[in-house]
C-alpha cells in the first residue's frame, strides 16, 4: 500500500506531479481532495474507493457501498480521469484517509490534489 502526498492547488494553479499508482493506495482527505489518474495502458482499469458503513439514530446500521469507477484505457481521452471530491463522513477511515484499490496498476499514474477554498 502506498500513501500519496497531497498536493495543494490554489487560484494560481498547480503543476502537479504524477507518481506510480499501486493496487492499494491511500491519502489524507480534507473533503476537498481530487484524484488525478493517467492510464498509459490500452486496457481500462477498475478503481474501487472504500466507503464507511454508518449508524443513524432511528435507522440503526446502514451499509454504505464502495464506489466503483472505470478508468479508461489510453485510447480514450489519453487514459485521463479525475475523481472526487470525497465527503469525509462517507470515505475517511479512522485515520482521516481515503483508501482505494485498482484491479491492475500497470502503467497507472496518480496524483492527489487538494483544492484550496478561495
N, C-alpha and C. Protein backbone atom coordinates (compact mmCIF):
# COMPACT_ATOMS: atom_id res chain seq x y z
N UNK A 1 0.85 -1.18 0.00
CA UNK A 1 0.00 0.00 0.00
C UNK A 1 0.89 1.23 0.00
N UNK A 2 0.52 2.18 -0.83
CA UNK A 2 1.24 3.44 -0.89
C UNK A 2 0.44 4.56 -0.27
N UNK A 3 1.13 5.52 0.30
CA UNK A 3 0.47 6.72 0.83
C UNK A 3 0.83 7.88 -0.08
N UNK A 4 -0.17 8.47 -0.70
CA UNK A 4 0.04 9.58 -1.61
C UNK A 4 0.25 10.87 -0.84
N UNK A 5 1.17 11.69 -1.30
CA UNK A 5 1.35 13.03 -0.76
C UNK A 5 0.35 13.94 -1.44
N UNK A 6 -0.47 14.62 -0.66
CA UNK A 6 -1.49 15.51 -1.22
C UNK A 6 -0.83 16.82 -1.63
N UNK A 7 -1.06 17.23 -2.86
CA UNK A 7 -0.54 18.49 -3.40
C UNK A 7 -1.65 19.53 -3.33
N UNK A 8 -1.31 20.78 -3.02
CA UNK A 8 -2.31 21.84 -2.85
C UNK A 8 -2.40 22.72 -4.09
N UNK A 9 -3.63 23.00 -4.49
CA UNK A 9 -3.89 23.87 -5.64
C UNK A 9 -4.68 25.09 -5.16
N UNK A 10 -4.21 26.28 -5.54
CA UNK A 10 -4.95 27.50 -5.22
C UNK A 10 -5.28 28.22 -6.53
N UNK A 11 -5.74 29.44 -6.44
CA UNK A 11 -6.17 30.16 -7.65
C UNK A 11 -5.03 30.41 -8.63
N UNK A 12 -3.78 30.27 -8.17
CA UNK A 12 -2.63 30.43 -9.06
C UNK A 12 -2.33 29.16 -9.85
N UNK A 13 -3.07 28.09 -9.54
CA UNK A 13 -2.88 26.83 -10.26
C UNK A 13 -1.86 25.93 -9.59
N UNK A 14 -1.63 24.78 -10.21
CA UNK A 14 -0.70 23.79 -9.68
C UNK A 14 -0.13 22.99 -10.83
N UNK A 15 1.16 22.91 -10.90
CA UNK A 15 1.82 22.00 -11.83
C UNK A 15 2.03 20.71 -11.04
N UNK A 16 1.00 19.86 -11.02
CA UNK A 16 1.02 18.68 -10.18
C UNK A 16 1.99 17.63 -10.72
N UNK A 17 2.42 16.77 -9.82
CA UNK A 17 3.34 15.69 -10.15
C UNK A 17 2.61 14.37 -10.01
N UNK A 18 2.64 13.57 -11.05
CA UNK A 18 2.08 12.23 -11.02
C UNK A 18 3.13 11.26 -10.49
N UNK A 19 2.68 10.27 -9.74
CA UNK A 19 3.55 9.20 -9.27
C UNK A 19 2.96 7.87 -9.68
N UNK A 20 3.75 6.83 -9.58
CA UNK A 20 3.27 5.49 -9.92
C UNK A 20 2.18 5.07 -8.93
N UNK A 21 1.07 4.59 -9.46
CA UNK A 21 0.00 4.07 -8.62
C UNK A 21 0.31 2.62 -8.25
N UNK A 22 -0.18 2.20 -7.11
CA UNK A 22 -0.11 0.78 -6.75
C UNK A 22 -1.53 0.24 -6.68
N UNK A 23 -1.67 -1.05 -6.44
CA UNK A 23 -3.01 -1.63 -6.41
C UNK A 23 -3.77 -1.26 -5.15
N UNK A 24 -3.09 -0.65 -4.17
CA UNK A 24 -3.75 -0.23 -2.93
C UNK A 24 -3.06 1.01 -2.40
N UNK A 25 -3.73 2.16 -2.50
CA UNK A 25 -3.16 3.43 -2.05
C UNK A 25 -4.13 4.12 -1.10
N UNK A 26 -3.61 5.14 -0.40
CA UNK A 26 -4.46 5.97 0.45
C UNK A 26 -3.91 7.38 0.47
N UNK A 27 -4.73 8.31 0.95
CA UNK A 27 -4.30 9.71 1.05
C UNK A 27 -5.09 10.40 2.14
N UNK A 28 -4.48 11.43 2.75
CA UNK A 28 -5.17 12.25 3.75
C UNK A 28 -6.25 13.05 3.03
N UNK A 29 -7.46 13.03 3.57
CA UNK A 29 -8.58 13.68 2.89
C UNK A 29 -9.17 14.80 3.73
N UNK A 30 -9.17 16.01 3.15
CA UNK A 30 -9.77 17.17 3.80
C UNK A 30 -11.16 17.47 3.26
N UNK A 31 -11.70 16.60 2.42
CA UNK A 31 -13.01 16.82 1.82
C UNK A 31 -12.96 17.65 0.55
N UNK A 32 -11.76 18.18 0.22
CA UNK A 32 -11.59 19.00 -0.99
C UNK A 32 -10.50 18.41 -1.88
N UNK A 33 -10.31 17.10 -1.77
CA UNK A 33 -9.23 16.44 -2.49
C UNK A 33 -9.77 15.66 -3.69
N UNK A 34 -9.06 15.76 -4.79
CA UNK A 34 -9.37 15.03 -6.03
C UNK A 34 -8.24 14.06 -6.32
N UNK A 35 -8.55 12.99 -7.02
CA UNK A 35 -7.52 12.10 -7.55
C UNK A 35 -7.43 12.31 -9.05
N UNK A 36 -6.22 12.43 -9.56
CA UNK A 36 -5.96 12.58 -10.99
C UNK A 36 -5.25 11.32 -11.44
N UNK A 37 -5.86 10.58 -12.38
CA UNK A 37 -5.27 9.34 -12.89
C UNK A 37 -4.89 9.50 -14.35
N UNK A 38 -3.80 8.85 -14.74
CA UNK A 38 -3.44 8.69 -16.14
C UNK A 38 -3.11 7.21 -16.33
N UNK A 39 -3.84 6.58 -17.24
CA UNK A 39 -3.65 5.17 -17.56
C UNK A 39 -2.96 5.10 -18.93
N UNK A 40 -1.69 4.72 -18.95
CA UNK A 40 -0.94 4.63 -20.21
C UNK A 40 -1.11 3.28 -20.89
N UNK A 41 -1.92 2.40 -20.31
CA UNK A 41 -2.18 1.09 -20.87
C UNK A 41 -3.46 1.14 -21.69
N UNK A 42 -3.54 0.33 -22.74
CA UNK A 42 -4.74 0.32 -23.59
C UNK A 42 -5.96 -0.25 -22.87
N UNK A 43 -5.75 -1.06 -21.85
CA UNK A 43 -6.86 -1.68 -21.13
C UNK A 43 -7.37 -0.77 -20.02
N UNK A 44 -8.68 -0.73 -19.86
CA UNK A 44 -9.25 0.05 -18.76
C UNK A 44 -8.94 -0.63 -17.43
N UNK A 45 -9.07 0.13 -16.35
CA UNK A 45 -8.83 -0.37 -15.00
C UNK A 45 -10.06 -0.12 -14.15
N UNK A 46 -10.23 -0.92 -13.12
CA UNK A 46 -11.33 -0.73 -12.19
C UNK A 46 -10.79 -0.14 -10.89
N UNK A 47 -11.32 1.03 -10.53
CA UNK A 47 -10.96 1.74 -9.31
C UNK A 47 -12.08 1.53 -8.30
N UNK A 48 -11.74 1.08 -7.09
CA UNK A 48 -12.72 0.90 -6.03
C UNK A 48 -12.32 1.76 -4.84
N UNK A 49 -13.22 2.66 -4.45
CA UNK A 49 -12.96 3.56 -3.33
C UNK A 49 -13.77 3.07 -2.14
N UNK A 50 -13.07 2.79 -1.03
CA UNK A 50 -13.72 2.23 0.15
C UNK A 50 -14.60 3.27 0.83
N UNK A 51 -15.80 2.85 1.19
CA UNK A 51 -16.75 3.70 1.92
C UNK A 51 -16.92 3.16 3.34
N UNK A 52 -17.40 4.00 4.22
CA UNK A 52 -17.64 3.61 5.62
C UNK A 52 -19.11 3.31 5.83
N UNK A 53 -19.37 2.20 6.52
CA UNK A 53 -20.74 1.96 6.96
C UNK A 53 -21.01 2.98 8.07
N UNK A 54 -22.29 3.23 8.31
CA UNK A 54 -22.63 4.26 9.29
C UNK A 54 -23.78 3.79 10.16
N UNK A 55 -24.00 4.47 11.25
CA UNK A 55 -25.13 4.21 12.13
C UNK A 55 -25.89 5.52 12.28
N UNK A 56 -27.18 5.48 12.04
CA UNK A 56 -28.03 6.67 12.17
C UNK A 56 -29.13 6.39 13.18
N UNK A 57 -29.34 7.33 14.08
CA UNK A 57 -30.38 7.20 15.08
C UNK A 57 -31.73 6.96 14.41
N UNK A 58 -32.43 5.95 14.87
CA UNK A 58 -33.73 5.62 14.30
C UNK A 58 -33.65 4.67 13.12
N UNK A 59 -32.47 4.51 12.55
CA UNK A 59 -32.29 3.62 11.40
C UNK A 59 -31.35 2.47 11.70
N UNK A 60 -30.49 2.61 12.69
CA UNK A 60 -29.52 1.57 13.01
C UNK A 60 -28.34 1.59 12.05
N UNK A 61 -27.75 0.41 11.86
CA UNK A 61 -26.60 0.29 10.98
C UNK A 61 -27.03 0.38 9.52
N UNK A 62 -26.29 1.17 8.76
CA UNK A 62 -26.58 1.34 7.33
C UNK A 62 -25.33 0.95 6.56
N UNK A 63 -25.46 -0.02 5.64
CA UNK A 63 -24.35 -0.40 4.78
C UNK A 63 -24.20 0.64 3.68
N UNK A 64 -23.01 1.20 3.56
CA UNK A 64 -22.72 2.18 2.52
C UNK A 64 -21.83 1.48 1.49
N UNK A 65 -22.27 1.41 0.24
CA UNK A 65 -21.48 0.67 -0.75
C UNK A 65 -20.20 1.41 -1.13
N UNK A 66 -19.18 0.64 -1.48
CA UNK A 66 -17.97 1.22 -2.05
C UNK A 66 -18.32 1.84 -3.39
N UNK A 67 -17.52 2.78 -3.84
CA UNK A 67 -17.71 3.41 -5.14
C UNK A 67 -16.76 2.75 -6.13
N UNK A 68 -17.31 2.30 -7.27
CA UNK A 68 -16.51 1.66 -8.30
C UNK A 68 -16.58 2.49 -9.57
N UNK A 69 -15.41 2.78 -10.14
CA UNK A 69 -15.30 3.64 -11.31
C UNK A 69 -14.35 2.98 -12.30
N UNK A 70 -14.66 3.11 -13.59
CA UNK A 70 -13.78 2.60 -14.64
C UNK A 70 -12.82 3.70 -15.08
N UNK A 71 -11.53 3.42 -15.00
CA UNK A 71 -10.51 4.33 -15.52
C UNK A 71 -10.28 3.93 -16.97
N UNK A 72 -10.49 4.86 -17.91
CA UNK A 72 -10.38 4.46 -19.32
C UNK A 72 -8.97 4.07 -19.72
N UNK A 73 -8.89 3.25 -20.76
CA UNK A 73 -7.58 2.91 -21.33
C UNK A 73 -7.02 4.10 -22.08
N UNK A 74 -5.77 3.98 -22.50
CA UNK A 74 -5.06 5.10 -23.13
C UNK A 74 -5.70 5.57 -24.43
N UNK A 75 -6.49 4.73 -25.08
CA UNK A 75 -7.15 5.12 -26.33
C UNK A 75 -8.36 6.00 -26.14
N UNK A 76 -8.81 6.17 -24.90
CA UNK A 76 -9.96 7.01 -24.61
C UNK A 76 -9.49 8.20 -23.78
N UNK A 77 -9.49 9.38 -24.40
CA UNK A 77 -9.06 10.60 -23.71
C UNK A 77 -7.67 10.48 -23.10
N UNK A 78 -6.82 9.70 -23.73
CA UNK A 78 -5.46 9.53 -23.23
C UNK A 78 -5.38 8.81 -21.90
N UNK A 79 -6.47 8.13 -21.50
CA UNK A 79 -6.49 7.41 -20.23
C UNK A 79 -6.57 8.32 -19.02
N UNK A 80 -6.99 9.58 -19.23
CA UNK A 80 -7.05 10.55 -18.12
C UNK A 80 -8.41 10.52 -17.42
N UNK A 81 -8.38 10.65 -16.10
CA UNK A 81 -9.61 10.67 -15.30
C UNK A 81 -9.35 11.44 -14.02
N UNK A 82 -10.31 12.29 -13.63
CA UNK A 82 -10.28 12.97 -12.33
C UNK A 82 -11.47 12.46 -11.53
N UNK A 83 -11.22 12.11 -10.26
CA UNK A 83 -12.25 11.56 -9.39
C UNK A 83 -12.29 12.36 -8.09
N UNK A 84 -13.47 12.65 -7.59
CA UNK A 84 -13.61 13.34 -6.30
C UNK A 84 -14.70 14.38 -6.41
N UNK A 85 -14.97 15.02 -5.43
CA UNK A 85 -14.48 15.11 -4.07
C UNK A 85 -14.96 13.91 -3.25
N UNK A 86 -14.39 13.75 -2.04
CA UNK A 86 -14.69 12.63 -1.18
C UNK A 86 -15.20 13.13 0.16
N UNK A 87 -16.52 13.15 0.37
CA UNK A 87 -17.06 13.60 1.66
C UNK A 87 -16.43 12.79 2.81
N UNK A 88 -15.93 13.49 3.80
CA UNK A 88 -15.17 12.86 4.87
C UNK A 88 -15.97 11.81 5.63
N UNK A 89 -17.23 12.08 5.94
CA UNK A 89 -18.02 11.13 6.72
C UNK A 89 -18.22 9.82 5.96
N UNK A 90 -18.28 9.89 4.67
CA UNK A 90 -18.52 8.68 3.88
C UNK A 90 -17.24 7.91 3.58
N UNK A 91 -16.13 8.62 3.34
CA UNK A 91 -14.94 7.95 2.82
C UNK A 91 -13.74 7.89 3.76
N UNK A 92 -13.62 8.80 4.74
CA UNK A 92 -12.43 8.78 5.61
C UNK A 92 -12.45 7.61 6.57
N UNK A 93 -11.29 6.96 6.70
CA UNK A 93 -11.17 5.92 7.72
C UNK A 93 -10.88 6.60 9.07
N UNK A 94 -10.61 5.82 10.11
CA UNK A 94 -10.39 6.41 11.44
C UNK A 94 -9.15 7.30 11.49
N UNK A 95 -8.23 7.14 10.53
CA UNK A 95 -7.03 7.98 10.47
C UNK A 95 -7.19 9.19 9.56
N UNK A 96 -8.41 9.44 9.04
CA UNK A 96 -8.66 10.58 8.18
C UNK A 96 -8.18 10.38 6.75
N UNK A 97 -8.05 9.12 6.34
CA UNK A 97 -7.56 8.79 5.00
C UNK A 97 -8.63 8.10 4.17
N UNK A 98 -8.54 8.31 2.87
CA UNK A 98 -9.36 7.56 1.91
C UNK A 98 -8.49 6.44 1.37
N UNK A 99 -9.06 5.26 1.28
CA UNK A 99 -8.36 4.08 0.77
C UNK A 99 -9.00 3.65 -0.54
N UNK A 100 -8.16 3.30 -1.51
CA UNK A 100 -8.70 2.80 -2.78
C UNK A 100 -7.83 1.67 -3.30
N UNK A 101 -8.42 0.88 -4.19
CA UNK A 101 -7.69 -0.19 -4.86
C UNK A 101 -7.90 -0.08 -6.36
N UNK A 102 -6.92 -0.57 -7.09
CA UNK A 102 -7.01 -0.73 -8.54
C UNK A 102 -6.88 -2.21 -8.84
N UNK A 103 -7.65 -2.70 -9.80
CA UNK A 103 -7.54 -4.12 -10.14
C UNK A 103 -6.20 -4.44 -10.79
N UNK A 104 -5.56 -3.43 -11.40
CA UNK A 104 -4.26 -3.60 -12.03
C UNK A 104 -3.61 -2.21 -12.09
N UNK A 105 -2.41 -2.08 -11.57
CA UNK A 105 -1.76 -0.77 -11.52
C UNK A 105 -0.68 -0.60 -12.59
N UNK A 106 -0.54 -1.58 -13.48
CA UNK A 106 0.46 -1.48 -14.53
C UNK A 106 0.19 -0.26 -15.40
N UNK A 107 1.20 0.58 -15.59
CA UNK A 107 1.13 1.78 -16.42
C UNK A 107 0.18 2.86 -15.86
N UNK A 108 -0.12 2.78 -14.56
CA UNK A 108 -1.03 3.76 -13.94
C UNK A 108 -0.23 4.80 -13.16
N UNK A 109 -0.60 6.07 -13.33
CA UNK A 109 -0.04 7.17 -12.56
C UNK A 109 -1.16 7.88 -11.84
N UNK A 110 -0.84 8.50 -10.70
CA UNK A 110 -1.87 9.15 -9.89
C UNK A 110 -1.28 10.36 -9.16
N UNK A 111 -2.13 11.34 -8.91
CA UNK A 111 -1.80 12.48 -8.04
C UNK A 111 -3.03 12.76 -7.19
N UNK A 112 -2.82 13.12 -5.93
CA UNK A 112 -3.89 13.58 -5.04
C UNK A 112 -3.73 15.09 -4.92
N UNK A 113 -4.80 15.82 -5.26
CA UNK A 113 -4.74 17.28 -5.29
C UNK A 113 -5.86 17.86 -4.44
N UNK A 114 -5.50 18.69 -3.46
CA UNK A 114 -6.48 19.38 -2.63
C UNK A 114 -6.70 20.77 -3.20
N UNK A 115 -7.96 21.14 -3.38
CA UNK A 115 -8.32 22.43 -3.95
C UNK A 115 -8.61 23.39 -2.80
N UNK A 116 -7.81 24.45 -2.72
CA UNK A 116 -7.94 25.41 -1.64
C UNK A 116 -9.23 26.23 -1.78
N UNK A 117 -9.86 26.56 -0.67
CA UNK A 117 -11.02 27.45 -0.68
C UNK A 117 -10.54 28.86 -0.93
N UNK A 118 -11.29 29.60 -1.71
CA UNK A 118 -10.90 30.97 -2.02
C UNK A 118 -11.94 31.93 -1.52
